[in-house]
Amino acid sequence: MSVSQSEERRPVAVAVVSMRELLASCAAADAVSRPPRAPDPVAGPVEQARVEQGRVGQGREAA
């Protein structure tokens, strides 16, 4: 028996998965494998006023 005949007799397993399903499963696996993100810190009244006035990230010097 030659090698080519033995290769022909081996069962071949083929999984048919759509690209959409593959990408969805990868995204789901990525989402579950990361630890939960810490919540954003709550801004105090002074910081909230800066946000409302459009002065985010500016210190007292600019106020």
PDB file of N, CA and C in Angstrom:
ATOM      1  N   MET A   1       0.848  -1.182   0.000  1.00  0.00           N
ATOM      2  CA  MET A   1       0.000   0.000   0.000  1.00  0.00           C
ATOM      3  C   MET A   1       0.888   1.237   0.000  1.00  0.00           C
ATOM      4  N   SER A   2       0.651   2.143  -0.886  1.00  0.00           N
ATOM      5  CA  SER A   2       1.459   3.351  -0.960  1.00  0.00           C
ATOM      6  C   SER A   2       0.888   4.432  -0.051  1.00  0.00           C
ATOM      7  N   VAL A   3       1.641   5.483   0.140  1.00  0.00           N
ATOM      8  CA  VAL A   3       1.225   6.577   1.013  1.00  0.00           C
ATOM      9  C   VAL A   3      -0.026   7.265   0.469  1.00  0.00           C
ATOM     10  N   SER A   4      -0.122   7.439  -0.808  1.00  0.00           N
ATOM     11  CA  SER A   4      -1.274   8.130  -1.389  1.00  0.00           C
ATOM     12  C   SER A   4      -2.570   7.358  -1.160  1.00  0.00           C
ATOM     13  N   GLN A   5      -2.516   6.014  -1.169  1.00  0.00           N
ATOM     14  CA  GLN A   5      -3.722   5.234  -0.923  1.00  0.00           C
ATOM     15  C   GLN A   5      -4.157   5.347   0.535  1.00  0.00           C
ATOM     16  N   SER A   6      -3.216   5.370   1.463  1.00  0.00           N
ATOM     17  CA  SER A   6      -3.584   5.485   2.872  1.00  0.00           C
ATOM     18  C   SER A   6      -4.140   6.876   3.179  1.00  0.00           C
ATOM     19  N   GLU A   7      -3.641   7.894   2.502  1.00  0.00           N
ATOM     20  CA  GLU A   7      -4.166   9.240   2.708  1.00  0.00           C
ATOM     21  C   GLU A   7      -5.581   9.371   2.170  1.00  0.00           C
ATOM     22  N   GLU A   8      -5.888   8.668   1.109  1.00  0.00           N
ATOM     23  CA  GLU A   8      -7.224   8.737   0.530  1.00  0.00           C
ATOM     24  C   GLU A   8      -8.253   8.086   1.437  1.00  0.00           C
ATOM     25  N   ARG A   9      -7.861   7.109   2.224  1.00  0.00           N
ATOM     26  CA  ARG A   9      -8.799   6.379   3.072  1.00  0.00           C
ATOM     27  C   ARG A   9      -9.056   7.069   4.408  1.00  0.00           C
ATOM     28  N   ARG A  10      -8.246   8.028   4.772  1.00  0.00           N
ATOM     29  CA  ARG A  10      -8.443   8.729   6.049  1.00  0.00           C
ATOM     30  C   ARG A  10      -9.713   9.575   5.988  1.00  0.00           C
ATOM     31  N   PRO A  11     -10.505   9.538   7.040  1.00  0.00           N
ATOM     32  CA  PRO A  11     -11.691  10.399   7.049  1.00  0.00           C
ATOM     33  C   PRO A  11     -11.277  11.866   7.160  1.00  0.00           C
ATOM     34  N   VAL A  12     -11.981  12.693   6.486  1.00  0.00           N
ATOM     35  CA  VAL A  12     -11.667  14.115   6.492  1.00  0.00           C
ATOM     36  C   VAL A  12     -12.780  14.845   7.229  1.00  0.00           C
ATOM     37  N   ALA A  13     -12.423  15.596   8.240  1.00  0.00           N
ATOM     38  CA  ALA A  13     -13.398  16.385   8.999  1.00  0.00           C
ATOM     39  C   ALA A  13     -13.345  17.823   8.511  1.00  0.00           C
ATOM     40  N   VAL A  14     -14.486  18.315   8.126  1.00  0.00           N
ATOM     41  CA  VAL A  14     -14.558  19.693   7.648  1.00  0.00           C
ATOM     42  C   VAL A  14     -15.628  20.414   8.454  1.00  0.00           C
ATOM     43  N   ALA A  15     -15.271  21.505   9.054  1.00  0.00           N
ATOM     44  CA  ALA A  15     -16.238  22.314   9.797  1.00  0.00           C
ATOM     45  C   ALA A  15     -16.595  23.522   8.952  1.00  0.00           C
ATOM     46  N   VAL A  16     -17.864  23.700   8.734  1.00  0.00           N
ATOM     47  CA  VAL A  16     -18.315  24.833   7.933  1.00  0.00           C
ATOM     48  C   VAL A  16     -18.863  25.882   8.885  1.00  0.00           C
ATOM     49  N   VAL A  17     -18.148  26.988   8.979  1.00  0.00           N
ATOM     50  CA  VAL A  17     -18.544  28.078   9.851  1.00  0.00           C
ATOM     51  C   VAL A  17     -18.496  29.352   9.027  1.00  0.00           C
ATOM     52  N   SER A  18     -19.556  30.140   9.108  1.00  0.00           N
ATOM     53  CA  SER A  18     -19.556  31.388   8.345  1.00  0.00           C
ATOM     54  C   SER A  18     -18.606  32.388   8.985  1.00  0.00           C
ATOM     55  N   MET A  19     -18.160  33.326   8.198  1.00  0.00           N
ATOM     56  CA  MET A  19     -17.240  34.349   8.707  1.00  0.00           C
ATOM     57  C   MET A  19     -17.912  35.161   9.812  1.00  0.00           C
ATOM     58  N   ARG A  20     -19.194  35.427   9.667  1.00  0.00           N
ATOM     59  CA  ARG A  20     -19.939  36.184  10.683  1.00  0.00           C
ATOM     60  C   ARG A  20     -19.922  35.446  12.019  1.00  0.00           C
ATOM     61  N   GLU A  21     -20.174  34.131  11.985  1.00  0.00           N
ATOM     62  CA  GLU A  21     -20.160  33.348  13.216  1.00  0.00           C
ATOM     63  C   GLU A  21     -18.763  33.292  13.829  1.00  0.00           C
ATOM     64  N   LEU A  22     -17.762  33.176  12.987  1.00  0.00           N
ATOM     65  CA  LEU A  22     -16.385  33.128  13.472  1.00  0.00           C
ATOM     66  C   LEU A  22     -16.008  34.436  14.155  1.00  0.00           C
ATOM     67  N   LEU A  23     -16.332  35.561  13.532  1.00  0.00           N
ATOM     68  CA  LEU A  23     -16.007  36.861  14.124  1.00  0.00           C
ATOM     69  C   LEU A  23     -16.805  37.103  15.398  1.00  0.00           C
ATOM     70  N   ALA A  24     -18.069  36.684  15.407  1.00  0.00           N
ATOM     71  CA  ALA A  24     -18.893  36.861  16.606  1.00  0.00           C
ATOM     72  C   ALA A  24     -18.344  36.047  17.762  1.00  0.00           C
ATOM     73  N   SER A  25     -17.901  34.833  17.486  1.00  0.00           N
ATOM     74  CA  SER A  25     -17.361  34.009  18.563  1.00  0.00           C
ATOM     75  C   SER A  25     -16.041  34.576  19.081  1.00  0.00           C
ATOM     76  N   CYS A  26     -15.238  35.140  18.179  1.00  0.00           N
ATOM     77  CA  CYS A  26     -13.975  35.756  18.610  1.00  0.00           C
ATOM     78  C   CYS A  26     -14.243  36.994  19.466  1.00  0.00           C
ATOM     79  N   ALA A  27     -15.218  37.804  19.070  1.00  0.00           N
ATOM     80  CA  ALA A  27     -15.563  39.003  19.848  1.00  0.00           C
ATOM     81  C   ALA A  27     -16.110  38.614  21.217  1.00  0.00           C
ATOM     82  N   ALA A  28     -16.927  37.573  21.259  1.00  0.00           N
ATOM     83  CA  ALA A  28     -17.477  37.113  22.536  1.00  0.00           C
ATOM     84  C   ALA A  28     -16.371  36.580  23.436  1.00  0.00           C
ATOM     85  N   ALA A  29     -15.456  35.827  22.872  1.00  0.00           N
ATOM     86  CA  ALA A  29     -14.357  35.283  23.665  1.00  0.00           C
ATOM     87  C   ALA A  29     -13.468  36.403  24.197  1.00  0.00           C
ATOM     88  N   ASP A  30     -13.252  37.415  23.388  1.00  0.00           N
ATOM     89  CA  ASP A  30     -12.440  38.554  23.813  1.00  0.00           C
ATOM     90  C   ASP A  30     -13.131  39.311  24.946  1.00  0.00           C
ATOM     91  N   ALA A  31     -14.444  39.486  24.823  1.00  0.00           N
ATOM     92  CA  ALA A  31     -15.189  40.225  25.851  1.00  0.00           C
ATOM     93  C   ALA A  31     -15.183  39.498  27.183  1.00  0.00           C
ATOM     94  N   VAL A  32     -15.267  38.183  27.155  1.00  0.00           N
ATOM     95  CA  VAL A  32     -15.312  37.438  28.410  1.00  0.00           C
ATOM     96  C   VAL A  32     -13.936  37.249  29.020  1.00  0.00           C
ATOM     97  N   SER A  33     -12.901  37.333  28.219  1.00  0.00           N
ATOM     98  CA  SER A  33     -11.567  37.065  28.739  1.00  0.00           C
ATOM     99  C   SER A  33     -10.935  38.284  29.405  1.00  0.00           C
ATOM    100  N   ARG A  34     -11.527  39.444  29.251  1.00  0.00           N
ATOM    101  CA  ARG A  34     -10.983  40.650  29.895  1.00  0.00           C
ATOM    102  C   ARG A  34     -11.683  40.915  31.214  1.00  0.00           C
ATOM    103  N   PRO A  35     -10.949  41.408  32.208  1.00  0.00           N
ATOM    104  CA  PRO A  35     -11.596  41.741  33.483  1.00  0.00           C
ATOM    105  C   PRO A  35     -12.495  42.959  33.300  1.00  0.00           C
ATOM    106  N   PRO A  36     -13.497  43.108  34.147  1.00  0.00           N
ATOM    107  CA  PRO A  36     -14.393  44.255  34.010  1.00  0.00           C
ATOM    108  C   PRO A  36     -13.638  45.564  34.200  1.00  0.00           C
ATOM    109  N   ARG A  37     -14.051  46.576  33.471  1.00  0.00           N
ATOM    110  CA  ARG A  37     -13.413  47.883  33.555  1.00  0.00           C
ATOM    111  C   ARG A  37     -13.924  48.629  34.785  1.00  0.00           C
ATOM    112  N   ALA A  38     -13.039  49.333  35.438  1.00  0.00           N
ATOM    113  CA  ALA A  38     -13.426  50.124  36.605  1.00  0.00           C
ATOM    114  C   ALA A  38     -14.325  51.271  36.150  1.00  0.00           C
ATOM    115  N   PRO A  39     -15.317  51.624  36.946  1.00  0.00           N
ATOM    116  CA  PRO A  39     -16.196  52.729  36.552  1.00  0.00           C
ATOM    117  C   PRO A  39     -15.431  54.045  36.525  1.00  0.00           C
ATOM    118  N   ASP A  40     -15.880  54.952  35.687  1.00  0.00           N
ATOM    119  CA  ASP A  40     -15.267  56.268  35.618  1.00  0.00           C
ATOM    120  C   ASP A  40     -15.503  57.004  36.943  1.00  0.00           C
ATOM    121  N   PRO A  41     -14.516  57.744  37.400  1.00  0.00           N
ATOM    122  CA  PRO A  41     -14.709  58.474  38.657  1.00  0.00           C
ATOM    123  C   PRO A  41     -15.788  59.538  38.487  1.00  0.00           C
ATOM    124  N   VAL A  42     -16.529  59.731  39.547  1.00  0.00           N
ATOM    125  CA  VAL A  42     -17.603  60.721  39.522  1.00  0.00           C
ATOM    126  C   VAL A  42     -16.985  62.100  39.745  1.00  0.00           C
ATOM    127  N   ALA A  43     -17.311  63.031  38.879  1.00  0.00           N
ATOM    128  CA  ALA A  43     -16.759  64.384  38.982  1.00  0.00           C
ATOM    129  C   ALA A  43     -17.459  65.149  40.098  1.00  0.00           C
ATOM    130  N   GLY A  44     -16.677  65.914  40.830  1.00  0.00           N
ATOM    131  CA  GLY A  44     -17.240  66.766  41.869  1.00  0.00           C
ATOM    132  C   GLY A  44     -17.863  68.005  41.252  1.00  0.00           C
ATOM    133  N   PRO A  45     -18.440  68.877  42.051  1.00  0.00           N
ATOM    134  CA  PRO A  45     -19.132  70.063  41.519  1.00  0.00           C
ATOM    135  C   PRO A  45     -18.205  71.004  40.749  1.00  0.00           C
ATOM    136  N   VAL A  46     -16.955  71.155  41.180  1.00  0.00           N
ATOM    137  CA  VAL A  46     -16.029  72.048  40.492  1.00  0.00           C
ATOM    138  C   VAL A  46     -15.671  71.470  39.126  1.00  0.00           C
ATOM    139  N   GLU A  47     -15.359  70.187  39.098  1.00  0.00           N
ATOM    140  CA  GLU A  47     -15.019  69.534  37.828  1.00  0.00           C
ATOM    141  C   GLU A  47     -16.222  69.511  36.895  1.00  0.00           C
ATOM    142  N   GLN A  48     -17.414  69.303  37.436  1.00  0.00           N
ATOM    143  CA  GLN A  48     -18.618  69.293  36.609  1.00  0.00           C
ATOM    144  C   GLN A  48     -18.838  70.656  35.967  1.00  0.00           C
ATOM    145  N   ALA A  49     -18.552  71.731  36.680  1.00  0.00           N
ATOM    146  CA  ALA A  49     -18.694  73.081  36.125  1.00  0.00           C
ATOM    147  C   ALA A  49     -17.691  73.293  34.994  1.00  0.00           C
ATOM    148  N   ARG A  50     -16.479  72.784  35.142  1.00  0.00           N
ATOM    149  CA  ARG A  50     -15.487  72.896  34.072  1.00  0.00           C
ATOM    150  C   ARG A  50     -15.938  72.152  32.819  1.00  0.00           C
ATOM    151  N   VAL A  51     -16.515  70.977  33.013  1.00  0.00           N
ATOM    152  CA  VAL A  51     -16.997  70.188  31.882  1.00  0.00           C
ATOM    153  C   VAL A  51     -18.097  70.949  31.153  1.00  0.00           C
ATOM    154  N   GLU A  52     -19.025  71.513  31.909  1.00  0.00           N
ATOM    155  CA  GLU A  52     -20.135  72.247  31.305  1.00  0.00           C
ATOM    156  C   GLU A  52     -19.657  73.500  30.572  1.00  0.00           C
ATOM    157  N   GLN A  53     -18.585  74.127  31.061  1.00  0.00           N
ATOM    158  CA  GLN A  53     -18.076  75.345  30.435  1.00  0.00           C
ATOM    159  C   GLN A  53     -17.034  75.050  29.358  1.00  0.00           C
ATOM    160  N   GLY A  54     -16.719  73.797  29.139  1.00  0.00           N
ATOM    161  CA  GLY A  54     -15.781  73.417  28.095  1.00  0.00           C
ATOM    162  C   GLY A  54     -14.334  73.586  28.494  1.00  0.00           C
ATOM    163  N   ARG A  55     -14.040  73.642  29.774  1.00  0.00           N
ATOM    164  CA  ARG A  55     -12.652  73.823  30.237  1.00  0.00           C
ATOM    165  C   ARG A  55     -12.113  72.528  30.837  1.00  0.00           C
ATOM    166  N   VAL A  56     -12.365  71.421  30.180  1.00  0.00           N
ATOM    167  CA  VAL A  56     -11.918  70.132  30.684  1.00  0.00           C
ATOM    168  C   VAL A  56     -10.406  70.026  30.582  1.00  0.00           C
ATOM    169  N   GLY A  57      -9.775  69.555  31.639  1.00  0.00           N
ATOM    170  CA  GLY A  57      -8.339  69.322  31.612  1.00  0.00           C
ATOM    171  C   GLY A  57      -7.517  70.566  31.914  1.00  0.00           C
ATOM    172  N   GLN A  58      -8.154  71.682  32.170  1.00  0.00           N
ATOM    173  CA  GLN A  58      -7.419  72.910  32.478  1.00  0.00           C
ATOM    174  C   GLN A  58      -7.402  73.098  33.982  1.00  0.00           C
ATOM    175  N   GLY A  59      -6.270  73.499  34.495  1.00  0.00           N
ATOM    176  CA  GLY A  59      -6.123  73.693  35.931  1.00  0.00           C
ATOM    177  C   GLY A  59      -6.614  75.060  36.376  1.00  0.00           C
ATOM    178  N   ARG A  60      -6.248  75.458  37.592  1.00  0.00           N
ATOM    179  CA  ARG A  60      -6.682  76.761  38.135  1.00  0.00           C
ATOM    180  C   ARG A  60      -6.080  77.923  37.403  1.00  0.00           C
ATOM    181  N   GLU A  61      -4.921  77.714  36.796  1.00  0.00           N
ATOM    182  CA  GLU A  61      -4.252  78.818  36.094  1.00  0.00           C
ATOM    183  C   GLU A  61      -5.131  79.376  34.964  1.00  0.00           C
ATOM    184  N   ALA A  62      -5.857  78.479  34.301  1.00  0.00           N
ATOM    185  CA  ALA A  62      -6.669  78.918  33.164  1.00  0.00           C
ATOM    186  C   ALA A  62      -8.024  79.447  33.588  1.00  0.00           C
ATOM    187  N   ALA A  63      -8.416  79.232  34.833  1.00  0.00           N
ATOM    188  CA  ALA A  63      -9.747  79.630  35.273  1.00  0.00           C
ATOM    189  C   ALA A  63      -9.867  81.064  35.564  1.00  0.00           C
TER     190      ALA A  63
END
